[in-house]
Amino acid sequence: MTETMGAYAGLFGGMILGLLGLFLGNYFLKKKRGLDERHDMMRTKARAASWFFPLAATYVFFVLHLLNVIISIPFMLAMLILVQMGSWACFILYYHYKH
């Protein structure tokens, strides 16, 4: 029972903290005039390019499944989210320092 409560607290607490960070980040960017067309271009390009990595990770998980490697579904989904968000963050940093 305690493990379930911790899982719910982490799941919904992480969602709330993530949304709060998104809101506060955009709020402070608007105050410093950081939400311009350069920022929009970086986010759009990074989002488009970062989808290749979760696609590759999905293929890796299918190959592991065909090789009878037992991986739990929550672990697999967590890894896909981690790959997606990590690749998106890396591309944001790449486009930020490129221009």
PDB file of N, CA and C in Angstrom:
ATOM      1  N   MET A   1       0.822  -1.194   0.000  1.00  0.00           N
ATOM      2  CA  MET A   1       0.000   0.000   0.000  1.00  0.00           C
ATOM      3  C   MET A   1       0.861   1.250   0.000  1.00  0.00           C
ATOM      4  N   THR A   2       1.942   1.242   0.765  1.00  0.00           N
ATOM      5  CA  THR A   2       2.827   2.402   0.840  1.00  0.00           C
ATOM      6  C   THR A   2       3.504   2.648  -0.507  1.00  0.00           C
ATOM      7  N   GLU A   3       3.875   1.565  -1.207  1.00  0.00           N
ATOM      8  CA  GLU A   3       4.511   1.712  -2.508  1.00  0.00           C
ATOM      9  C   GLU A   3       3.559   2.345  -3.506  1.00  0.00           C
ATOM     10  N   THR A   4       2.281   1.978  -3.427  1.00  0.00           N
ATOM     11  CA  THR A   4       1.290   2.546  -4.337  1.00  0.00           C
ATOM     12  C   THR A   4       1.096   4.024  -4.074  1.00  0.00           C
ATOM     13  N   MET A   5       1.062   4.406  -2.807  1.00  0.00           N
ATOM     14  CA  MET A   5       0.899   5.828  -2.481  1.00  0.00           C
ATOM     15  C   MET A   5       2.109   6.627  -2.958  1.00  0.00           C
ATOM     16  N   GLY A   6       3.301   6.059  -2.815  1.00  0.00           N
ATOM     17  CA  GLY A   6       4.505   6.730  -3.310  1.00  0.00           C
ATOM     18  C   GLY A   6       4.505   6.866  -4.820  1.00  0.00           C
ATOM     19  N   ALA A   7       3.977   5.834  -5.502  1.00  0.00           N
ATOM     20  CA  ALA A   7       3.894   5.892  -6.961  1.00  0.00           C
ATOM     21  C   ALA A   7       2.925   6.980  -7.398  1.00  0.00           C
ATOM     22  N   TYR A   8       1.771   7.055  -6.735  1.00  0.00           N
ATOM     23  CA  TYR A   8       0.811   8.117  -7.079  1.00  0.00           C
ATOM     24  C   TYR A   8       1.371   9.496  -6.772  1.00  0.00           C
ATOM     25  N   ALA A   9       2.055   9.611  -5.636  1.00  0.00           N
ATOM     26  CA  ALA A   9       2.643  10.910  -5.265  1.00  0.00           C
ATOM     27  C   ALA A   9       3.706  11.313  -6.279  1.00  0.00           C
ATOM     28  N   GLY A  10       4.532  10.388  -6.704  1.00  0.00           N
ATOM     29  CA  GLY A  10       5.555  10.699  -7.695  1.00  0.00           C
ATOM     30  C   GLY A  10       4.977  11.012  -9.055  1.00  0.00           C
ATOM     31  N   LEU A  11       3.965  10.255  -9.456  1.00  0.00           N
ATOM     32  CA  LEU A  11       3.358  10.456 -10.769  1.00  0.00           C
ATOM     33  C   LEU A  11       2.662  11.809 -10.855  1.00  0.00           C
ATOM     34  N   PHE A  12       1.781  12.075  -9.907  1.00  0.00           N
ATOM     35  CA  PHE A  12       1.031  13.327  -9.968  1.00  0.00           C
ATOM     36  C   PHE A  12       1.849  14.509  -9.472  1.00  0.00           C
ATOM     37  N   GLY A  13       2.755  14.272  -8.524  1.00  0.00           N
ATOM     38  CA  GLY A  13       3.642  15.345  -8.072  1.00  0.00           C
ATOM     39  C   GLY A  13       4.578  15.788  -9.186  1.00  0.00           C
ATOM     40  N   GLY A  14       5.102  14.829  -9.945  1.00  0.00           N
ATOM     41  CA  GLY A  14       5.960  15.160 -11.083  1.00  0.00           C
ATOM     42  C   GLY A  14       5.209  15.920 -12.159  1.00  0.00           C
ATOM     43  N   MET A  15       3.966  15.525 -12.394  1.00  0.00           N
ATOM     44  CA  MET A  15       3.159  16.227 -13.387  1.00  0.00           C
ATOM     45  C   MET A  15       2.900  17.659 -12.942  1.00  0.00           C
ATOM     46  N   ILE A  16       2.552  17.841 -11.680  1.00  0.00           N
ATOM     47  CA  ILE A  16       2.263  19.184 -11.162  1.00  0.00           C
ATOM     48  C   ILE A  16       3.528  20.045 -11.187  1.00  0.00           C
ATOM     49  N   LEU A  17       4.661  19.490 -10.764  1.00  0.00           N
ATOM     50  CA  LEU A  17       5.906  20.253 -10.788  1.00  0.00           C
ATOM     51  C   LEU A  17       6.344  20.574 -12.222  1.00  0.00           C
ATOM     52  N   GLY A  18       6.138  19.658 -13.144  1.00  0.00           N
ATOM     53  CA  GLY A  18       6.473  19.915 -14.542  1.00  0.00           C
ATOM     54  C   GLY A  18       5.627  21.028 -15.137  1.00  0.00           C
ATOM     55  N   LEU A  19       4.324  20.988 -14.870  1.00  0.00           N
ATOM     56  CA  LEU A  19       3.442  22.051 -15.372  1.00  0.00           C
ATOM     57  C   LEU A  19       3.755  23.385 -14.717  1.00  0.00           C
ATOM     58  N   LEU A  20       4.087  23.355 -13.435  1.00  0.00           N
ATOM     59  CA  LEU A  20       4.465  24.584 -12.738  1.00  0.00           C
ATOM     60  C   LEU A  20       5.759  25.156 -13.330  1.00  0.00           C
ATOM     61  N   GLY A  21       6.722  24.307 -13.616  1.00  0.00           N
ATOM     62  CA  GLY A  21       7.964  24.748 -14.238  1.00  0.00           C
ATOM     63  C   GLY A  21       7.736  25.321 -15.625  1.00  0.00           C
ATOM     64  N   LEU A  22       6.847  24.687 -16.391  1.00  0.00           N
ATOM     65  CA  LEU A  22       6.509  25.196 -17.726  1.00  0.00           C
ATOM     66  C   LEU A  22       5.855  26.564 -17.625  1.00  0.00           C
ATOM     67  N   PHE A  23       4.909  26.708 -16.714  1.00  0.00           N
ATOM     68  CA  PHE A  23       4.209  27.976 -16.540  1.00  0.00           C
ATOM     69  C   PHE A  23       5.162  29.077 -16.080  1.00  0.00           C
ATOM     70  N   LEU A  24       5.976  28.784 -15.055  1.00  0.00           N
ATOM     71  CA  LEU A  24       6.900  29.788 -14.546  1.00  0.00           C
ATOM     72  C   LEU A  24       7.985  30.132 -15.569  1.00  0.00           C
ATOM     73  N   GLY A  25       8.458  29.136 -16.299  1.00  0.00           N
ATOM     74  CA  GLY A  25       9.458  29.397 -17.335  1.00  0.00           C
ATOM     75  C   GLY A  25       8.931  30.329 -18.410  1.00  0.00           C
ATOM     76  N   ASN A  26       7.712  30.068 -18.887  1.00  0.00           N
ATOM     77  CA  ASN A  26       7.119  30.943 -19.894  1.00  0.00           C
ATOM     78  C   ASN A  26       6.823  32.322 -19.328  1.00  0.00           C
ATOM     79  N   TYR A  27       6.433  32.383 -18.067  1.00  0.00           N
ATOM     80  CA  TYR A  27       6.140  33.666 -17.433  1.00  0.00           C
ATOM     81  C   TYR A  27       7.397  34.541 -17.371  1.00  0.00           C
ATOM     82  N   PHE A  28       8.501  33.944 -16.925  1.00  0.00           N
ATOM     83  CA  PHE A  28       9.730  34.713 -16.817  1.00  0.00           C
ATOM     84  C   PHE A  28      10.334  35.017 -18.188  1.00  0.00           C
ATOM     85  N   LEU A  29      10.133  34.120 -19.164  1.00  0.00           N
ATOM     86  CA  LEU A  29      10.595  34.414 -20.516  1.00  0.00           C
ATOM     87  C   LEU A  29       9.826  35.588 -21.117  1.00  0.00           C
ATOM     88  N   LYS A  30       8.521  35.648 -20.866  1.00  0.00           N
ATOM     89  CA  LYS A  30       7.730  36.773 -21.365  1.00  0.00           C
ATOM     90  C   LYS A  30       8.189  38.082 -20.730  1.00  0.00           C
ATOM     91  N   LYS A  31       8.528  38.038 -19.447  1.00  0.00           N
ATOM     92  CA  LYS A  31       8.991  39.254 -18.763  1.00  0.00           C
ATOM     93  C   LYS A  31      10.297  39.762 -19.358  1.00  0.00           C
ATOM     94  N   LYS A  32      11.170  38.839 -19.779  1.00  0.00           N
ATOM     95  CA  LYS A  32      12.468  39.238 -20.329  1.00  0.00           C
ATOM     96  C   LYS A  32      12.462  39.244 -21.858  1.00  0.00           C
ATOM     97  N   ARG A  33      11.300  39.198 -22.450  1.00  0.00           N
ATOM     98  CA  ARG A  33      11.123  39.203 -23.914  1.00  0.00           C
ATOM     99  C   ARG A  33      11.889  38.056 -24.576  1.00  0.00           C
ATOM    100  N   GLY A  34      11.811  36.888 -23.977  1.00  0.00           N
ATOM    101  CA  GLY A  34      12.522  35.728 -24.494  1.00  0.00           C
ATOM    102  C   GLY A  34      11.690  34.878 -25.430  1.00  0.00           C
ATOM    103  N   LEU A  35      10.399  35.123 -25.513  1.00  0.00           N
ATOM    104  CA  LEU A  35       9.534  34.331 -26.397  1.00  0.00           C
ATOM    105  C   LEU A  35       9.421  35.046 -27.740  1.00  0.00           C
ATOM    106  N   ASP A  36      10.444  34.903 -28.572  1.00  0.00           N
ATOM    107  CA  ASP A  36      10.438  35.537 -29.878  1.00  0.00           C
ATOM    108  C   ASP A  36      10.432  34.458 -30.958  1.00  0.00           C
ATOM    109  N   GLU A  37      10.591  34.887 -32.223  1.00  0.00           N
ATOM    110  CA  GLU A  37      10.543  33.917 -33.318  1.00  0.00           C
ATOM    111  C   GLU A  37      11.747  32.981 -33.295  1.00  0.00           C
ATOM    112  N   ARG A  38      12.873  33.405 -32.750  1.00  0.00           N
ATOM    113  CA  ARG A  38      14.030  32.513 -32.627  1.00  0.00           C
ATOM    114  C   ARG A  38      13.713  31.369 -31.667  1.00  0.00           C
ATOM    115  N   HIS A  39      13.065  31.706 -30.562  1.00  0.00           N
ATOM    116  CA  HIS A  39      12.670  30.694 -29.580  1.00  0.00           C
ATOM    117  C   HIS A  39      11.669  29.720 -30.196  1.00  0.00           C
ATOM    118  N   ASP A  40      10.711  30.231 -30.945  1.00  0.00           N
ATOM    119  CA  ASP A  40       9.721  29.363 -31.601  1.00  0.00           C
ATOM    120  C   ASP A  40      10.371  28.442 -32.623  1.00  0.00           C
ATOM    121  N   MET A  41      11.341  28.979 -33.385  1.00  0.00           N
ATOM    122  CA  MET A  41      12.026  28.165 -34.387  1.00  0.00           C
ATOM    123  C   MET A  41      12.812  27.041 -33.720  1.00  0.00           C
ATOM    124  N   MET A  42      13.508  27.343 -32.619  1.00  0.00           N
ATOM    125  CA  MET A  42      14.287  26.319 -31.922  1.00  0.00           C
ATOM    126  C   MET A  42      13.376  25.220 -31.383  1.00  0.00           C
ATOM    127  N   ARG A  43      12.251  25.605 -30.785  1.00  0.00           N
ATOM    128  CA  ARG A  43      11.345  24.598 -30.233  1.00  0.00           C
ATOM    129  C   ARG A  43      10.738  23.738 -31.321  1.00  0.00           C
ATOM    130  N   THR A  44      10.370  24.346 -32.456  1.00  0.00           N
ATOM    131  CA  THR A  44       9.758  23.596 -33.555  1.00  0.00           C
ATOM    132  C   THR A  44      10.750  22.615 -34.163  1.00  0.00           C
ATOM    133  N   LYS A  45      11.965  23.067 -34.446  1.00  0.00           N
ATOM    134  CA  LYS A  45      12.972  22.176 -35.034  1.00  0.00           C
ATOM    135  C   LYS A  45      13.354  21.057 -34.069  1.00  0.00           C
ATOM    136  N   ALA A  46      13.502  21.401 -32.802  1.00  0.00           N
ATOM    137  CA  ALA A  46      13.886  20.388 -31.819  1.00  0.00           C
ATOM    138  C   ALA A  46      12.798  19.337 -31.655  1.00  0.00           C
ATOM    139  N   ARG A  47      11.548  19.768 -31.646  1.00  0.00           N
ATOM    140  CA  ARG A  47      10.442  18.814 -31.493  1.00  0.00           C
ATOM    141  C   ARG A  47      10.368  17.890 -32.699  1.00  0.00           C
ATOM    142  N   ALA A  48      10.595  18.426 -33.893  1.00  0.00           N
ATOM    143  CA  ALA A  48      10.529  17.609 -35.104  1.00  0.00           C
ATOM    144  C   ALA A  48      11.676  16.604 -35.150  1.00  0.00           C
ATOM    145  N   ALA A  49      12.880  17.031 -34.786  1.00  0.00           N
ATOM    146  CA  ALA A  49      14.038  16.149 -34.872  1.00  0.00           C
ATOM    147  C   ALA A  49      14.058  15.109 -33.754  1.00  0.00           C
ATOM    148  N   SER A  50      13.488  15.429 -32.615  1.00  0.00           N
ATOM    149  CA  SER A  50      13.603  14.527 -31.472  1.00  0.00           C
ATOM    150  C   SER A  50      12.711  13.294 -31.585  1.00  0.00           C
ATOM    151  N   TRP A  51      11.820  13.227 -32.556  1.00  0.00           N
ATOM    152  CA  TRP A  51      10.965  12.047 -32.691  1.00  0.00           C
ATOM    153  C   TRP A  51      11.693  10.848 -33.269  1.00  0.00           C
ATOM    154  N   PHE A  52      12.865  11.057 -33.862  1.00  0.00           N
ATOM    155  CA  PHE A  52      13.603   9.928 -34.417  1.00  0.00           C
ATOM    156  C   PHE A  52      14.153   9.012 -33.323  1.00  0.00           C
ATOM    157  N   PHE A  53      14.520   9.566 -32.187  1.00  0.00           N
ATOM    158  CA  PHE A  53      15.104   8.772 -31.113  1.00  0.00           C
ATOM    159  C   PHE A  53      14.082   7.854 -30.433  1.00  0.00           C
ATOM    160  N   PRO A  54      12.870   8.314 -30.090  1.00  0.00           N
ATOM    161  CA  PRO A  54      11.895   7.365 -29.543  1.00  0.00           C
ATOM    162  C   PRO A  54      11.483   6.292 -30.551  1.00  0.00           C
ATOM    163  N   LEU A  55      11.498   6.647 -31.833  1.00  0.00           N
ATOM    164  CA  LEU A  55      11.199   5.645 -32.856  1.00  0.00           C
ATOM    165  C   LEU A  55      12.267   4.559 -32.843  1.00  0.00           C
ATOM    166  N   ALA A  56      13.529   4.950 -32.762  1.00  0.00           N
ATOM    167  CA  ALA A  56      14.619   3.971 -32.690  1.00  0.00           C
ATOM    168  C   ALA A  56      14.526   3.156 -31.408  1.00  0.00           C
ATOM    169  N   ALA A  57      14.182   3.811 -30.294  1.00  0.00           N
ATOM    170  CA  ALA A  57      14.049   3.085 -29.025  1.00  0.00           C
ATOM    171  C   ALA A  57      12.902   2.076 -29.096  1.00  0.00           C
ATOM    172  N   THR A  58      11.825   2.444 -29.769  1.00  0.00           N
ATOM    173  CA  THR A  58      10.700   1.520 -29.937  1.00  0.00           C
ATOM    174  C   THR A  58      11.139   0.282 -30.710  1.00  0.00           C
ATOM    175  N   TYR A  59      11.911   0.475 -31.771  1.00  0.00           N
ATOM    176  CA  TYR A  59      12.417  -0.669 -32.522  1.00  0.00           C
ATOM    177  C   TYR A  59      13.340  -1.533 -31.666  1.00  0.00           C
ATOM    178  N   VAL A  60      14.155  -0.915 -30.843  1.00  0.00           N
ATOM    179  CA  VAL A  60      15.029  -1.685 -29.951  1.00  0.00           C
ATOM    180  C   VAL A  60      14.186  -2.515 -28.992  1.00  0.00           C
ATOM    181  N   PHE A  61      13.116  -1.936 -28.451  1.00  0.00           N
ATOM    182  CA  PHE A  61      12.257  -2.690 -27.531  1.00  0.00           C
ATOM    183  C   PHE A  61      11.538  -3.833 -28.239  1.00  0.00           C
ATOM    184  N   PHE A  62      11.148  -3.636 -29.499  1.00  0.00           N
ATOM    185  CA  PHE A  62      10.533  -4.729 -30.255  1.00  0.00           C
ATOM    186  C   PHE A  62      11.540  -5.856 -30.503  1.00  0.00           C
ATOM    187  N   VAL A  63      12.764  -5.500 -30.817  1.00  0.00           N
ATOM    188  CA  VAL A  63      13.801  -6.524 -31.022  1.00  0.00           C
ATOM    189  C   VAL A  63      14.060  -7.271 -29.724  1.00  0.00           C
ATOM    190  N   LEU A  64      14.125  -6.541 -28.603  1.00  0.00           N
ATOM    191  CA  LEU A  64      14.302  -7.215 -27.313  1.00  0.00           C
ATOM    192  C   LEU A  64      13.137  -8.149 -27.009  1.00  0.00           C
ATOM    193  N   HIS A  65      11.932  -7.735 -27.378  1.00  0.00           N
ATOM    194  CA  HIS A  65      10.765  -8.598 -27.175  1.00  0.00           C
ATOM    195  C   HIS A  65      10.876  -9.859 -28.032  1.00  0.00           C
ATOM    196  N   LEU A  66      11.345  -9.699 -29.273  1.00  0.00           N
ATOM    197  CA  LEU A  66      11.515 -10.868 -30.147  1.00  0.00           C
ATOM    198  C   LEU A  66      12.607 -11.796 -29.635  1.00  0.00           C
ATOM    199  N   LEU A  67      13.574 -11.253 -28.901  1.00  0.00           N
ATOM    200  CA  LEU A  67      14.633 -12.075 -28.310  1.00  0.00           C
ATOM    201  C   LEU A  67      14.245 -12.635 -26.948  1.00  0.00           C
ATOM    202  N   ASN A  68      12.978 -12.484 -26.578  1.00  0.00           N
ATOM    203  CA  ASN A  68      12.408 -12.992 -25.331  1.00  0.00           C
ATOM    204  C   ASN A  68      13.042 -12.385 -24.081  1.00  0.00           C
ATOM    205  N   VAL A  69      13.443 -11.132 -24.177  1.00  0.00           N
ATOM    206  CA  VAL A  69      13.913 -10.411 -22.999  1.00  0.00           C
ATOM    207  C   VAL A  69      12.680  -9.866 -22.291  1.00  0.00           C
ATOM    208  N   ILE A  70      12.572 -10.145 -21.010  1.00  0.00           N
ATOM    209  CA  ILE A  70      11.386  -9.729 -20.269  1.00  0.00           C
ATOM    210  C   ILE A  70      11.612  -8.324 -19.713  1.00  0.00           C
ATOM    211  N   ILE A  71      10.811  -7.387 -20.211  1.00  0.00           N
ATOM    212  CA  ILE A  71      10.858  -5.994 -19.757  1.00  0.00           C
ATOM    213  C   ILE A  71       9.435  -5.606 -19.391  1.00  0.00           C
ATOM    214  N   SER A  72       9.289  -4.998 -18.231  1.00  0.00           N
ATOM    215  CA  SER A  72       7.948  -4.599 -17.814  1.00  0.00           C
ATOM    216  C   SER A  72       7.479  -3.400 -18.637  1.00  0.00           C
ATOM    217  N   ILE A  73       6.176  -3.302 -18.794  1.00  0.00           N
ATOM    218  CA  ILE A  73       5.586  -2.229 -19.580  1.00  0.00           C
ATOM    219  C   ILE A  73       5.840  -0.860 -18.948  1.00  0.00           C
ATOM    220  N   PRO A  74       5.702  -0.695 -17.615  1.00  0.00           N
ATOM    221  CA  PRO A  74       6.022   0.626 -17.053  1.00  0.00           C
ATOM    222  C   PRO A  74       7.480   1.046 -17.284  1.00  0.00           C
ATOM    223  N   PHE A  75       8.409   0.098 -17.215  1.00  0.00           N
ATOM    224  CA  PHE A  75       9.811   0.422 -17.475  1.00  0.00           C
ATOM    225  C   PHE A  75      10.001   0.840 -18.926  1.00  0.00           C
ATOM    226  N   MET A  76       9.372   0.123 -19.841  1.00  0.00           N
ATOM    227  CA  MET A  76       9.494   0.439 -21.253  1.00  0.00           C
ATOM    228  C   MET A  76       8.922   1.825 -21.557  1.00  0.00           C
ATOM    229  N   LEU A  77       7.758   2.130 -21.006  1.00  0.00           N
ATOM    230  CA  LEU A  77       7.153   3.443 -21.223  1.00  0.00           C
ATOM    231  C   LEU A  77       7.985   4.554 -20.586  1.00  0.00           C
ATOM    232  N   ALA A  78       8.531   4.280 -19.416  1.00  0.00           N
ATOM    233  CA  ALA A  78       9.390   5.275 -18.762  1.00  0.00           C
ATOM    234  C   ALA A  78      10.632   5.544 -19.601  1.00  0.00           C
ATOM    235  N   MET A  79      11.220   4.502 -20.175  1.00  0.00           N
ATOM    236  CA  MET A  79      12.395   4.694 -21.018  1.00  0.00           C
ATOM    237  C   MET A  79      12.047   5.471 -22.284  1.00  0.00           C
ATOM    238  N   LEU A  80      10.882   5.209 -22.863  1.00  0.00           N
ATOM    239  CA  LEU A  80      10.474   5.968 -24.050  1.00  0.00           C
ATOM    240  C   LEU A  80      10.270   7.440 -23.725  1.00  0.00           C
ATOM    241  N   ILE A  81       9.654   7.738 -22.595  1.00  0.00           N
ATOM    242  CA  ILE A  81       9.470   9.138 -22.193  1.00  0.00           C
ATOM    243  C   ILE A  81      10.821   9.784 -21.921  1.00  0.00           C
ATOM    244  N   LEU A  82      11.714   9.055 -21.267  1.00  0.00           N
ATOM    245  CA  LEU A  82      13.044   9.581 -20.978  1.00  0.00           C
ATOM    246  C   LEU A  82      13.814   9.861 -22.267  1.00  0.00           C
ATOM    247  N   VAL A  83      13.737   8.948 -23.225  1.00  0.00           N
ATOM    248  CA  VAL A  83      14.410   9.149 -24.511  1.00  0.00           C
ATOM    249  C   VAL A  83      13.805  10.342 -25.243  1.00  0.00           C
ATOM    250  N   GLN A  84      12.485  10.456 -25.240  1.00  0.00           N
ATOM    251  CA  GLN A  84      11.823  11.561 -25.933  1.00  0.00           C
ATOM    252  C   GLN A  84      12.211  12.906 -25.322  1.00  0.00           C
ATOM    253  N   MET A  85      12.085  13.033 -24.030  1.00  0.00           N
ATOM    254  CA  MET A  85      12.374  14.311 -23.389  1.00  0.00           C
ATOM    255  C   MET A  85      13.867  14.627 -23.401  1.00  0.00           C
ATOM    256  N   GLY A  86      14.696  13.606 -23.253  1.00  0.00           N
ATOM    257  CA  GLY A  86      16.131  13.830 -23.305  1.00  0.00           C
ATOM    258  C   GLY A  86      16.600  14.275 -24.677  1.00  0.00           C
ATOM    259  N   SER A  87      16.096  13.636 -25.731  1.00  0.00           N
ATOM    260  CA  SER A  87      16.499  14.039 -27.082  1.00  0.00           C
ATOM    261  C   SER A  87      15.967  15.430 -27.412  1.00  0.00           C
ATOM    262  N   TRP A  88      14.775  15.745 -26.948  1.00  0.00           N
ATOM    263  CA  TRP A  88      14.218  17.081 -27.186  1.00  0.00           C
ATOM    264  C   TRP A  88      15.074  18.139 -26.490  1.00  0.00           C
ATOM    265  N   ALA A  89      15.466  17.878 -25.246  1.00  0.00           N
ATOM    266  CA  ALA A  89      16.311  18.827 -24.512  1.00  0.00           C
ATOM    267  C   ALA A  89      17.671  18.980 -25.194  1.00  0.00           C
ATOM    268  N   CYS A  90      18.242  17.891 -25.677  1.00  0.00           N
ATOM    269  CA  CYS A  90      19.534  17.976 -26.361  1.00  0.00           C
ATOM    270  C   CYS A  90      19.429  18.794 -27.642  1.00  0.00           C
ATOM    271  N   PHE A  91      18.354  18.617 -28.391  1.00  0.00           N
ATOM    272  CA  PHE A  91      18.187  19.398 -29.614  1.00  0.00           C
ATOM    273  C   PHE A  91      17.907  20.865 -29.305  1.00  0.00           C
ATOM    274  N   ILE A  92      17.186  21.146 -28.236  1.00  0.00           N
ATOM    275  CA  ILE A  92      16.971  22.543 -27.834  1.00  0.00           C
ATOM    276  C   ILE A  92      18.321  23.196 -27.550  1.00  0.00           C
ATOM    277  N   LEU A  93      19.167  22.515 -26.785  1.00  0.00           N
ATOM    278  CA  LEU A  93      20.486  23.064 -26.480  1.00  0.00           C
ATOM    279  C   LEU A  93      21.330  23.197 -27.744  1.00  0.00           C
ATOM    280  N   TYR A  94      21.231  22.221 -28.641  1.00  0.00           N
ATOM    281  CA  TYR A  94      21.991  22.267 -29.896  1.00  0.00           C
ATOM    282  C   TYR A  94      21.584  23.496 -30.711  1.00  0.00           C
ATOM    283  N   TYR A  95      20.291  23.695 -30.907  1.00  0.00           N
ATOM    284  CA  TYR A  95      19.842  24.825 -31.712  1.00  0.00           C
ATOM    285  C   TYR A  95      20.073  26.153 -30.987  1.00  0.00           C
ATOM    286  N   HIS A  96      20.084  26.135 -29.673  1.00  0.00           N
ATOM    287  CA  HIS A  96      20.335  27.359 -28.918  1.00  0.00           C
ATOM    288  C   HIS A  96      21.788  27.829 -29.126  1.00  0.00           C
ATOM    289  N   TYR A  97      22.725  26.908 -29.049  1.00  0.00           N
ATOM    290  CA  TYR A  97      24.123  27.282 -29.169  1.00  0.00           C
ATOM    291  C   TYR A  97      24.582  27.367 -30.614  1.00  0.00           C
ATOM    292  N   LYS A  98      23.808  26.803 -31.538  1.00  0.00           N
ATOM    293  CA  LYS A  98      24.149  26.872 -32.958  1.00  0.00           C
ATOM    294  C   LYS A  98      23.916  28.285 -33.495  1.00  0.00           C
ATOM    295  N   HIS A  99      22.893  28.952 -32.994  1.00  0.00           N
ATOM    296  CA  HIS A  99      22.550  30.284 -33.511  1.00  0.00           C
ATOM    297  C   HIS A  99      23.023  31.364 -32.596  1.00  0.00           C
TER     298      HIS A  99
END
